[in-house]
Amino acid sequence: EKGLAFLIEATEPLDLDLVLLGDGPDRSDLIHRAHHRVQFQPELP
């Protein structure tokens, strides 16, 4: 429901970095979809 797959797709052609911080059931799927400028960060206190 957070729509992160759309965010990854939307940013792929753009000259910028995408930083995704957190965790959840869709993590593996998002990593599979990610382009080379997506950075995954673990959740913080």
All heavy atoms as atom14 arrays in JSON, in Angstrom:
{
  "sequence": "EKGLAFLIEATEPLDLDLVLLGDGPDRSDLIHRAHHRVQFQPELP",
  "atom14_mask": [
    [1, 1, 1, 1, 1, 1, 1, 1, 1, 0, 0, 0, 0, 0],
    [1, 1, 1, 1, 1, 1, 1, 1, 1, 0, 0, 0, 0, 0],
    [1, 1, 1, 1, 0, 0, 0, 0, 0, 0, 0, 0, 0, 0],
    [1, 1, 1, 1, 1, 1, 1, 1, 0, 0, 0, 0, 0, 0],
    [1, 1, 1, 1, 1, 0, 0, 0, 0, 0, 0, 0, 0, 0],
    [1, 1, 1, 1, 1, 1, 1, 1, 1, 1, 1, 0, 0, 0],
    [1, 1, 1, 1, 1, 1, 1, 1, 0, 0, 0, 0, 0, 0],
    [1, 1, 1, 1, 1, 1, 1, 1, 0, 0, 0, 0, 0, 0],
    [1, 1, 1, 1, 1, 1, 1, 1, 1, 0, 0, 0, 0, 0],
    [1, 1, 1, 1, 1, 0, 0, 0, 0, 0, 0, 0, 0, 0],
    [1, 1, 1, 1, 1, 1, 1, 0, 0, 0, 0, 0, 0, 0],
    [1, 1, 1, 1, 1, 1, 1, 1, 1, 0, 0, 0, 0, 0],
    [1, 1, 1, 1, 1, 1, 1, 0, 0, 0, 0, 0, 0, 0],
    [1, 1, 1, 1, 1, 1, 1, 1, 0, 0, 0, 0, 0, 0],
    [1, 1, 1, 1, 1, 1, 1, 1, 0, 0, 0, 0, 0, 0],
    [1, 1, 1, 1, 1, 1, 1, 1, 0, 0, 0, 0, 0, 0],
    [1, 1, 1, 1, 1, 1, 1, 1, 0, 0, 0, 0, 0, 0],
    [1, 1, 1, 1, 1, 1, 1, 1, 0, 0, 0, 0, 0, 0],
    [1, 1, 1, 1, 1, 1, 1, 0, 0, 0, 0, 0, 0, 0],
    [1, 1, 1, 1, 1, 1, 1, 1, 0, 0, 0, 0, 0, 0],
    [1, 1, 1, 1, 1, 1, 1, 1, 0, 0, 0, 0, 0, 0],
    [1, 1, 1, 1, 0, 0, 0, 0, 0, 0, 0, 0, 0, 0],
    [1, 1, 1, 1, 1, 1, 1, 1, 0, 0, 0, 0, 0, 0],
    [1, 1, 1, 1, 0, 0, 0, 0, 0, 0, 0, 0, 0, 0],
    [1, 1, 1, 1, 1, 1, 1, 0, 0, 0, 0, 0, 0, 0],
    [1, 1, 1, 1, 1, 1, 1, 1, 0, 0, 0, 0, 0, 0],
    [1, 1, 1, 1, 1, 1, 1, 1, 1, 1, 1, 0, 0, 0],
    [1, 1, 1, 1, 1, 1, 0, 0, 0, 0, 0, 0, 0, 0],
    [1, 1, 1, 1, 1, 1, 1, 1, 0, 0, 0, 0, 0, 0],
    [1, 1, 1, 1, 1, 1, 1, 1, 0, 0, 0, 0, 0, 0],
    [1, 1, 1, 1, 1, 1, 1, 1, 0, 0, 0, 0, 0, 0],
    [1, 1, 1, 1, 1, 1, 1, 1, 1, 1, 0, 0, 0, 0],
    [1, 1, 1, 1, 1, 1, 1, 1, 1, 1, 1, 0, 0, 0],
    [1, 1, 1, 1, 1, 0, 0, 0, 0, 0, 0, 0, 0, 0],
    [1, 1, 1, 1, 1, 1, 1, 1, 1, 1, 0, 0, 0, 0],
    [1, 1, 1, 1, 1, 1, 1, 1, 1, 1, 0, 0, 0, 0],
    [1, 1, 1, 1, 1, 1, 1, 1, 1, 1, 1, 0, 0, 0],
    [1, 1, 1, 1, 1, 1, 1, 0, 0, 0, 0, 0, 0, 0],
    [1, 1, 1, 1, 1, 1, 1, 1, 1, 0, 0, 0, 0, 0],
    [1, 1, 1, 1, 1, 1, 1, 1, 1, 1, 1, 0, 0, 0],
    [1, 1, 1, 1, 1, 1, 1, 1, 1, 0, 0, 0, 0, 0],
    [1, 1, 1, 1, 1, 1, 1, 0, 0, 0, 0, 0, 0, 0],
    [1, 1, 1, 1, 1, 1, 1, 1, 1, 0, 0, 0, 0, 0],
    [1, 1, 1, 1, 1, 1, 1, 1, 0, 0, 0, 0, 0, 0],
    [1, 1, 1, 1, 1, 1, 1, 0, 0, 0, 0, 0, 0, 0]
  ],
  "atom14_positions": [
    [[0.8, -1.22, 0.0], [0.0, 0.0, 0.0], [0.84, 1.28, 0.0], [0.32, 2.37, -0.24], [-0.96, 0.02, 1.19], [-0.29, 0.1, 2.56], [-0.04, -1.27, 3.16], [-0.03, -2.27, 2.41], [0.14, -1.33, 4.4], [0.0, 0.0, 0.0], [0.0, 0.0, 0.0], [0.0, 0.0, 0.0], [0.0, 0.0, 0.0], [0.0, 0.0, 0.0]],
    [[2.16, 1.16, 0.26], [3.02, 2.34, 0.24], [3.45, 2.72, -1.17], [4.06, 3.78, -1.37], [4.24, 2.12, 1.13], [3.89, 1.91, 2.6], [3.11, 3.07, 3.18], [2.8, 2.88, 4.65], [2.04, 4.02, 5.23], [0.0, 0.0, 0.0], [0.0, 0.0, 0.0], [0.0, 0.0, 0.0], [0.0, 0.0, 0.0], [0.0, 0.0, 0.0]],
    [[3.18, 1.88, -2.16], [3.44, 2.23, -3.56], [4.9, 2.33, -3.92], [5.26, 3.03, -4.89], [0.0, 0.0, 0.0], [0.0, 0.0, 0.0], [0.0, 0.0, 0.0], [0.0, 0.0, 0.0], [0.0, 0.0, 0.0], [0.0, 0.0, 0.0], [0.0, 0.0, 0.0], [0.0, 0.0, 0.0], [0.0, 0.0, 0.0], [0.0, 0.0, 0.0]],
    [[5.78, 1.63, -3.22], [7.22, 1.78, -3.46], [7.66, 1.21, -4.8], [8.66, 1.66, -5.37], [8.0, 1.13, -2.31], [7.73, 1.75, -0.94], [8.54, 1.04, 0.14], [8.05, 3.24, -0.95], [0.0, 0.0, 0.0], [0.0, 0.0, 0.0], [0.0, 0.0, 0.0], [0.0, 0.0, 0.0], [0.0, 0.0, 0.0], [0.0, 0.0, 0.0]],
    [[6.93, 0.22, -5.31], [7.26, -0.29, -6.65], [7.11, 0.81, -7.69], [7.92, 0.92, -8.63], [6.37, -1.48, -6.99], [0.0, 0.0, 0.0], [0.0, 0.0, 0.0], [0.0, 0.0, 0.0], [0.0, 0.0, 0.0], [0.0, 0.0, 0.0], [0.0, 0.0, 0.0], [0.0, 0.0, 0.0], [0.0, 0.0, 0.0], [0.0, 0.0, 0.0]],
    [[6.08, 1.65, -7.54], [5.89, 2.77, -8.47], [7.01, 3.8, -8.32], [7.45, 4.4, -9.3], [4.54, 3.44, -8.23], [3.36, 2.55, -8.52], [2.71, 1.89, -7.5], [2.91, 2.36, -9.82], [1.62, 1.07, -7.76], [1.84, 1.54, -10.1], [1.19, 0.89, -9.06], [0.0, 0.0, 0.0], [0.0, 0.0, 0.0], [0.0, 0.0, 0.0]],
    [[7.47, 4.0, -7.09], [8.54, 4.96, -6.84], [9.85, 4.5, -7.48], [10.57, 5.3, -8.08], [8.72, 5.15, -5.33], [9.79, 6.15, -4.89], [9.5, 7.54, -5.45], [9.86, 6.2, -3.35], [0.0, 0.0, 0.0], [0.0, 0.0, 0.0], [0.0, 0.0, 0.0], [0.0, 0.0, 0.0], [0.0, 0.0, 0.0], [0.0, 0.0, 0.0]],
    [[10.14, 3.22, -7.36], [11.35, 2.69, -7.99], [11.28, 2.87, -9.51], [12.24, 3.31, -10.15], [11.54, 1.21, -7.61], [11.95, 1.11, -6.13], [12.6, 0.55, -8.5], [12.02, -0.31, -5.61], [0.0, 0.0, 0.0], [0.0, 0.0, 0.0], [0.0, 0.0, 0.0], [0.0, 0.0, 0.0], [0.0, 0.0, 0.0], [0.0, 0.0, 0.0]],
    [[10.13, 2.53, -10.09], [9.97, 2.67, -11.54], [10.04, 4.12, -11.98], [10.65, 4.46, -13.01], [8.63, 2.06, -11.97], [8.39, 2.1, -13.46], [7.04, 1.51, -13.86], [6.34, 0.97, -12.98], [6.68, 1.62, -15.05], [0.0, 0.0, 0.0], [0.0, 0.0, 0.0], [0.0, 0.0, 0.0], [0.0, 0.0, 0.0], [0.0, 0.0, 0.0]],
    [[9.44, 5.02, -11.19], [9.4, 6.43, -11.56], [10.78, 7.06, -11.55], [11.08, 7.95, -12.36], [8.47, 7.19, -10.61], [0.0, 0.0, 0.0], [0.0, 0.0, 0.0], [0.0, 0.0, 0.0], [0.0, 0.0, 0.0], [0.0, 0.0, 0.0], [0.0, 0.0, 0.0], [0.0, 0.0, 0.0], [0.0, 0.0, 0.0], [0.0, 0.0, 0.0]],
    [[11.64, 6.64, -10.63], [12.96, 7.28, -10.5], [14.03, 6.67, -11.39], [15.11, 7.25, -11.55], [13.43, 7.21, -9.04], [13.44, 5.85, -8.59], [12.53, 8.04, -8.14], [0.0, 0.0, 0.0], [0.0, 0.0, 0.0], [0.0, 0.0, 0.0], [0.0, 0.0, 0.0], [0.0, 0.0, 0.0], [0.0, 0.0, 0.0], [0.0, 0.0, 0.0]],
    [[13.76, 5.54, -12.01], [14.82, 4.84, -12.77], [15.44, 5.7, -13.87], [16.67, 5.72, -14.03], [14.28, 3.54, -13.35], [15.35, 2.72, -14.06], [14.9, 1.31, -14.37], [13.7, 1.01, -14.19], [15.75, 0.5, -14.77], [0.0, 0.0, 0.0], [0.0, 0.0, 0.0], [0.0, 0.0, 0.0], [0.0, 0.0, 0.0], [0.0, 0.0, 0.0]],
    [[14.65, 6.46, -14.67], [15.28, 7.26, -15.74], [15.89, 8.57, -15.25], [16.53, 9.28, -16.04], [14.12, 7.56, -16.7], [12.92, 6.88, -16.15], [13.19, 6.54, -14.74], [0.0, 0.0, 0.0], [0.0, 0.0, 0.0], [0.0, 0.0, 0.0], [0.0, 0.0, 0.0], [0.0, 0.0, 0.0], [0.0, 0.0, 0.0], [0.0, 0.0, 0.0]],
    [[15.68, 8.93, -13.99], [16.1, 10.23, -13.48], [17.53, 10.18, -12.94], [17.98, 9.16, -12.42], [15.14, 10.7, -12.38], [13.67, 10.84, -12.79], [12.83, 11.29, -11.59], [13.51, 11.81, -13.95], [0.0, 0.0, 0.0], [0.0, 0.0, 0.0], [0.0, 0.0, 0.0], [0.0, 0.0, 0.0], [0.0, 0.0, 0.0], [0.0, 0.0, 0.0]],
    [[18.2, 11.31, -13.04], [19.59, 11.42, -12.57], [19.58, 11.79, -11.08], [19.85, 12.94, -10.7], [20.34, 12.47, -13.39], [21.8, 12.58, -12.98], [22.33, 11.61, -12.38], [22.41, 13.62, -13.25], [0.0, 0.0, 0.0], [0.0, 0.0, 0.0], [0.0, 0.0, 0.0], [0.0, 0.0, 0.0], [0.0, 0.0, 0.0], [0.0, 0.0, 0.0]],
    [[19.25, 10.82, -10.26], [19.21, 11.05, -8.81], [19.28, 9.7, -8.1], [19.14, 8.64, -8.7], [17.94, 11.81, -8.41], [16.58, 11.36, -8.97], [16.06, 10.11, -8.28], [15.56, 12.48, -8.85], [0.0, 0.0, 0.0], [0.0, 0.0, 0.0], [0.0, 0.0, 0.0], [0.0, 0.0, 0.0], [0.0, 0.0, 0.0], [0.0, 0.0, 0.0]],
    [[19.49, 9.76, -6.78], [19.52, 8.56, -5.96], [18.2, 8.41, -5.21], [17.57, 9.41, -4.82], [20.66, 8.63, -4.94], [22.04, 8.56, -5.59], [22.12, 8.03, -6.72], [23.01, 9.05, -4.99], [0.0, 0.0, 0.0], [0.0, 0.0, 0.0], [0.0, 0.0, 0.0], [0.0, 0.0, 0.0], [0.0, 0.0, 0.0], [0.0, 0.0, 0.0]],
    [[17.81, 7.18, -5.0], [16.61, 6.87, -4.23], [17.03, 6.09, -2.98], [17.69, 5.04, -3.1], [15.62, 6.04, -5.06], [14.37, 5.53, -4.34], [13.53, 6.67, -3.8], [13.54, 4.65, -5.27], [0.0, 0.0, 0.0], [0.0, 0.0, 0.0], [0.0, 0.0, 0.0], [0.0, 0.0, 0.0], [0.0, 0.0, 0.0], [0.0, 0.0, 0.0]],
    [[16.63, 6.59, -1.81], [17.01, 5.97, -0.55], [15.74, 5.44, 0.12], [14.81, 6.21, 0.41], [17.7, 6.98, 0.39], [18.15, 6.28, 1.68], [18.89, 7.62, -0.31], [0.0, 0.0, 0.0], [0.0, 0.0, 0.0], [0.0, 0.0, 0.0], [0.0, 0.0, 0.0], [0.0, 0.0, 0.0], [0.0, 0.0, 0.0], [0.0, 0.0, 0.0]],
    [[15.69, 4.14, 0.36], [14.55, 3.5, 1.01], [14.99, 2.95, 2.36], [15.82, 2.04, 2.43], [14.0, 2.37, 0.14], [13.59, 2.74, -1.29], [13.08, 1.51, -2.03], [12.52, 3.84, -1.28], [0.0, 0.0, 0.0], [0.0, 0.0, 0.0], [0.0, 0.0, 0.0], [0.0, 0.0, 0.0], [0.0, 0.0, 0.0], [0.0, 0.0, 0.0]],
    [[14.43, 3.51, 3.43], [14.8, 3.09, 4.78], [13.62, 2.38, 5.43], [12.5, 2.9, 5.42], [15.21, 4.3, 5.62], [15.65, 4.05, 7.06], [16.69, 5.07, 7.5], [14.48, 4.08, 8.04], [0.0, 0.0, 0.0], [0.0, 0.0, 0.0], [0.0, 0.0, 0.0], [0.0, 0.0, 0.0], [0.0, 0.0, 0.0], [0.0, 0.0, 0.0]],
    [[13.86, 1.2, 5.98], [12.8, 0.5, 6.68], [12.86, -0.99, 6.47], [13.9, -1.55, 6.1], [0.0, 0.0, 0.0], [0.0, 0.0, 0.0], [0.0, 0.0, 0.0], [0.0, 0.0, 0.0], [0.0, 0.0, 0.0], [0.0, 0.0, 0.0], [0.0, 0.0, 0.0], [0.0, 0.0, 0.0], [0.0, 0.0, 0.0], [0.0, 0.0, 0.0]],
    [[11.72, -1.63, 6.65], [11.63, -3.08, 6.49], [10.16, -3.44, 6.33], [9.28, -2.62, 6.54], [12.22, -3.79, 7.71], [12.65, -5.21, 7.41], [12.39, -5.69, 6.28], [13.24, -5.86, 8.29], [0.0, 0.0, 0.0], [0.0, 0.0, 0.0], [0.0, 0.0, 0.0], [0.0, 0.0, 0.0], [0.0, 0.0, 0.0], [0.0, 0.0, 0.0]],
    [[9.93, -4.69, 5.95], [8.55, -5.13, 5.79], [8.46, -6.29, 4.82], [9.46, -6.72, 4.23], [0.0, 0.0, 0.0], [0.0, 0.0, 0.0], [0.0, 0.0, 0.0], [0.0, 0.0, 0.0], [0.0, 0.0, 0.0], [0.0, 0.0, 0.0], [0.0, 0.0, 0.0], [0.0, 0.0, 0.0], [0.0, 0.0, 0.0], [0.0, 0.0, 0.0]],
    [[7.26, -6.82, 4.62], [7.08, -8.03, 3.82], [7.45, -7.88, 2.35], [7.7, -8.89, 1.68], [5.59, -8.33, 3.98], [4.96, -7.04, 4.39], [5.99, -6.35, 5.21], [0.0, 0.0, 0.0], [0.0, 0.0, 0.0], [0.0, 0.0, 0.0], [0.0, 0.0, 0.0], [0.0, 0.0, 0.0], [0.0, 0.0, 0.0], [0.0, 0.0, 0.0]],
    [[7.5, -6.66, 1.82], [7.81, -6.47, 0.4], [9.28, -6.2, 0.14], [9.67, -5.88, -0.99], [6.99, -5.3, -0.17], [5.54, -5.69, -0.43], [5.16, -6.81, -0.06], [4.8, -4.86, -0.98], [0.0, 0.0, 0.0], [0.0, 0.0, 0.0], [0.0, 0.0, 0.0], [0.0, 0.0, 0.0], [0.0, 0.0, 0.0], [0.0, 0.0, 0.0]],
    [[10.1, -6.33, 1.15], [11.52, -5.97, 0.99], [12.19, -6.76, -0.13], [12.87, -6.17, -0.99], [12.27, -6.19, 2.31], [13.75, -5.79, 2.23], [14.48, -6.01, 3.55], [15.87, -5.6, 3.44], [16.3, -4.35, 3.62], [15.45, -3.39, 3.9], [17.59, -4.06, 3.51], [0.0, 0.0, 0.0], [0.0, 0.0, 0.0], [0.0, 0.0, 0.0]],
    [[12.02, -8.08, -0.16], [12.67, -8.9, -1.19], [12.22, -8.52, -2.59], [13.03, -8.42, -3.53], [12.4, -10.38, -0.93], [12.96, -10.79, 0.3], [0.0, 0.0, 0.0], [0.0, 0.0, 0.0], [0.0, 0.0, 0.0], [0.0, 0.0, 0.0], [0.0, 0.0, 0.0], [0.0, 0.0, 0.0], [0.0, 0.0, 0.0], [0.0, 0.0, 0.0]],
    [[10.92, -8.27, -2.74], [10.4, -7.88, -4.05], [10.97, -6.54, -4.49], [11.31, -6.36, -5.67], [8.87, -7.83, -4.0], [8.26, -7.38, -5.32], [8.39, -8.13, -6.31], [7.68, -6.27, -5.37], [0.0, 0.0, 0.0], [0.0, 0.0, 0.0], [0.0, 0.0, 0.0], [0.0, 0.0, 0.0], [0.0, 0.0, 0.0], [0.0, 0.0, 0.0]],
    [[11.09, -5.61, -3.57], [11.61, -4.28, -3.9], [13.09, -4.35, -4.29], [13.53, -3.66, -5.21], [11.41, -3.32, -2.73], [9.95, -3.0, -2.4], [9.87, -2.16, -1.13], [9.26, -2.28, -3.55], [0.0, 0.0, 0.0], [0.0, 0.0, 0.0], [0.0, 0.0, 0.0], [0.0, 0.0, 0.0], [0.0, 0.0, 0.0], [0.0, 0.0, 0.0]],
    [[13.84, -5.19, -3.59], [15.25, -5.36, -3.94], [15.37, -5.93, -5.35], [16.24, -5.52, -6.14], [15.95, -6.27, -2.91], [16.07, -5.53, -1.56], [17.32, -6.7, -3.4], [16.62, -6.39, -0.44], [0.0, 0.0, 0.0], [0.0, 0.0, 0.0], [0.0, 0.0, 0.0], [0.0, 0.0, 0.0], [0.0, 0.0, 0.0], [0.0, 0.0, 0.0]],
    [[14.48, -6.85, -5.68], [14.48, -7.45, -7.03], [14.15, -6.4, -8.1], [14.71, -6.43, -9.21], [13.48, -8.59, -7.09], [13.35, -9.24, -8.43], [14.33, -10.08, -8.95], [12.37, -9.16, -9.38], [13.96, -10.48, -10.15], [12.78, -9.95, -10.43], [0.0, 0.0, 0.0], [0.0, 0.0, 0.0], [0.0, 0.0, 0.0], [0.0, 0.0, 0.0]],
    [[13.27, -5.46, -7.79], [12.85, -4.44, -8.76], [13.85, -3.28, -8.86], [13.83, -2.53, -9.84], [11.5, -3.84, -8.33], [10.32, -4.8, -8.43], [9.09, -4.13, -7.81], [7.91, -4.96, -7.89], [7.01, -4.93, -8.86], [7.18, -4.08, -9.86], [5.97, -5.73, -8.85], [0.0, 0.0, 0.0], [0.0, 0.0, 0.0], [0.0, 0.0, 0.0]],
    [[14.7, -3.13, -7.88], [15.5, -1.91, -7.74], [16.49, -1.72, -8.89], [17.09, -2.68, -9.39], [16.25, -1.94, -6.42], [0.0, 0.0, 0.0], [0.0, 0.0, 0.0], [0.0, 0.0, 0.0], [0.0, 0.0, 0.0], [0.0, 0.0, 0.0], [0.0, 0.0, 0.0], [0.0, 0.0, 0.0], [0.0, 0.0, 0.0], [0.0, 0.0, 0.0]],
    [[16.66, -0.48, -9.3], [17.7, -0.13, -10.26], [18.98, 0.2, -9.49], [19.01, 0.2, -8.25], [17.26, 1.02, -11.16], [16.74, 2.23, -10.43], [17.57, 3.19, -9.9], [15.46, 2.62, -10.14], [16.83, 4.14, -9.33], [15.55, 3.82, -9.45], [0.0, 0.0, 0.0], [0.0, 0.0, 0.0], [0.0, 0.0, 0.0], [0.0, 0.0, 0.0]],
    [[20.05, 0.49, -10.22], [21.37, 0.58, -9.58], [21.52, 1.8, -8.67], [22.48, 1.85, -7.88], [22.47, 0.59, -10.65], [22.56, 1.86, -11.44], [21.64, 2.19, -12.42], [23.45, 2.88, -11.39], [21.97, 3.36, -12.95], [23.05, 3.81, -12.35], [0.0, 0.0, 0.0], [0.0, 0.0, 0.0], [0.0, 0.0, 0.0], [0.0, 0.0, 0.0]],
    [[20.59, 2.76, -8.73], [20.71, 3.95, -7.89], [19.75, 3.92, -6.7], [19.5, 4.96, -6.07], [20.52, 5.21, -8.73], [21.58, 5.33, -9.82], [21.6, 6.68, -10.47], [22.05, 7.74, -9.58], [22.3, 8.99, -9.98], [22.17, 9.31, -11.26], [22.69, 9.9, -9.11], [0.0, 0.0, 0.0], [0.0, 0.0, 0.0], [0.0, 0.0, 0.0]],
    [[19.23, 2.76, -6.39], [18.39, 2.59, -5.2], [19.26, 2.11, -4.05], [20.01, 1.12, -4.2], [17.25, 1.6, -5.43], [16.41, 1.46, -4.16], [16.37, 2.05, -6.6], [0.0, 0.0, 0.0], [0.0, 0.0, 0.0], [0.0, 0.0, 0.0], [0.0, 0.0, 0.0], [0.0, 0.0, 0.0], [0.0, 0.0, 0.0], [0.0, 0.0, 0.0]],
    [[19.18, 2.79, -2.94], [19.94, 2.41, -1.74], [18.96, 1.97, -0.66], [18.04, 2.71, -0.31], [20.77, 3.59, -1.24], [21.72, 4.17, -2.27], [22.32, 5.48, -1.81], [22.25, 5.86, -0.64], [22.91, 6.21, -2.76], [0.0, 0.0, 0.0], [0.0, 0.0, 0.0], [0.0, 0.0, 0.0], [0.0, 0.0, 0.0], [0.0, 0.0, 0.0]],
    [[19.15, 0.78, -0.12], [18.32, 0.28, 0.98], [19.06, 0.49, 2.29], [20.23, 0.12, 2.43], [18.0, -1.2, 0.78], [17.03, -1.47, -0.33], [17.47, -1.64, -1.64], [15.66, -1.53, -0.08], [16.58, -1.87, -2.67], [14.76, -1.76, -1.11], [15.22, -1.93, -2.4], [0.0, 0.0, 0.0], [0.0, 0.0, 0.0], [0.0, 0.0, 0.0]],
    [[18.38, 1.08, 3.25], [18.96, 1.31, 4.57], [18.11, 0.62, 5.63], [16.88, 0.64, 5.55], [19.06, 2.81, 4.86], [20.0, 3.56, 3.94], [20.14, 5.03, 4.32], [19.56, 5.49, 5.31], [20.94, 5.76, 3.54], [0.0, 0.0, 0.0], [0.0, 0.0, 0.0], [0.0, 0.0, 0.0], [0.0, 0.0, 0.0], [0.0, 0.0, 0.0]],
    [[18.74, 0.02, 6.64], [17.98, -0.63, 7.71], [17.24, 0.39, 8.55], [17.64, 1.56, 8.64], [19.05, -1.35, 8.52], [20.3, -0.56, 8.27], [20.2, -0.07, 6.86], [0.0, 0.0, 0.0], [0.0, 0.0, 0.0], [0.0, 0.0, 0.0], [0.0, 0.0, 0.0], [0.0, 0.0, 0.0], [0.0, 0.0, 0.0], [0.0, 0.0, 0.0]],
    [[16.14, -0.05, 9.15], [15.37, 0.85, 10.0], [16.22, 1.38, 11.15], [17.16, 0.74, 11.6], [14.14, 0.11, 10.56], [14.49, -1.14, 11.35], [13.25, -1.86, 11.8], [12.36, -1.22, 12.36], [13.18, -3.08, 11.6], [0.0, 0.0, 0.0], [0.0, 0.0, 0.0], [0.0, 0.0, 0.0], [0.0, 0.0, 0.0], [0.0, 0.0, 0.0]],
    [[15.87, 2.58, 11.61], [16.57, 3.24, 12.7], [15.69, 3.3, 13.94], [14.46, 3.37, 13.82], [16.95, 4.68, 12.3], [18.03, 4.87, 11.24], [18.11, 6.35, 10.87], [19.37, 4.37, 11.74], [0.0, 0.0, 0.0], [0.0, 0.0, 0.0], [0.0, 0.0, 0.0], [0.0, 0.0, 0.0], [0.0, 0.0, 0.0], [0.0, 0.0, 0.0]],
    [[16.28, 3.3, 15.13], [15.48, 3.61, 16.32], [14.86, 4.99, 16.16], [15.46, 5.88, 15.54], [16.52, 3.6, 17.46], [17.68, 2.82, 16.92], [17.7, 3.06, 15.44], [0.0, 0.0, 0.0], [0.0, 0.0, 0.0], [0.0, 0.0, 0.0], [0.0, 0.0, 0.0], [0.0, 0.0, 0.0], [0.0, 0.0, 0.0], [0.0, 0.0, 0.0]]
  ]
}
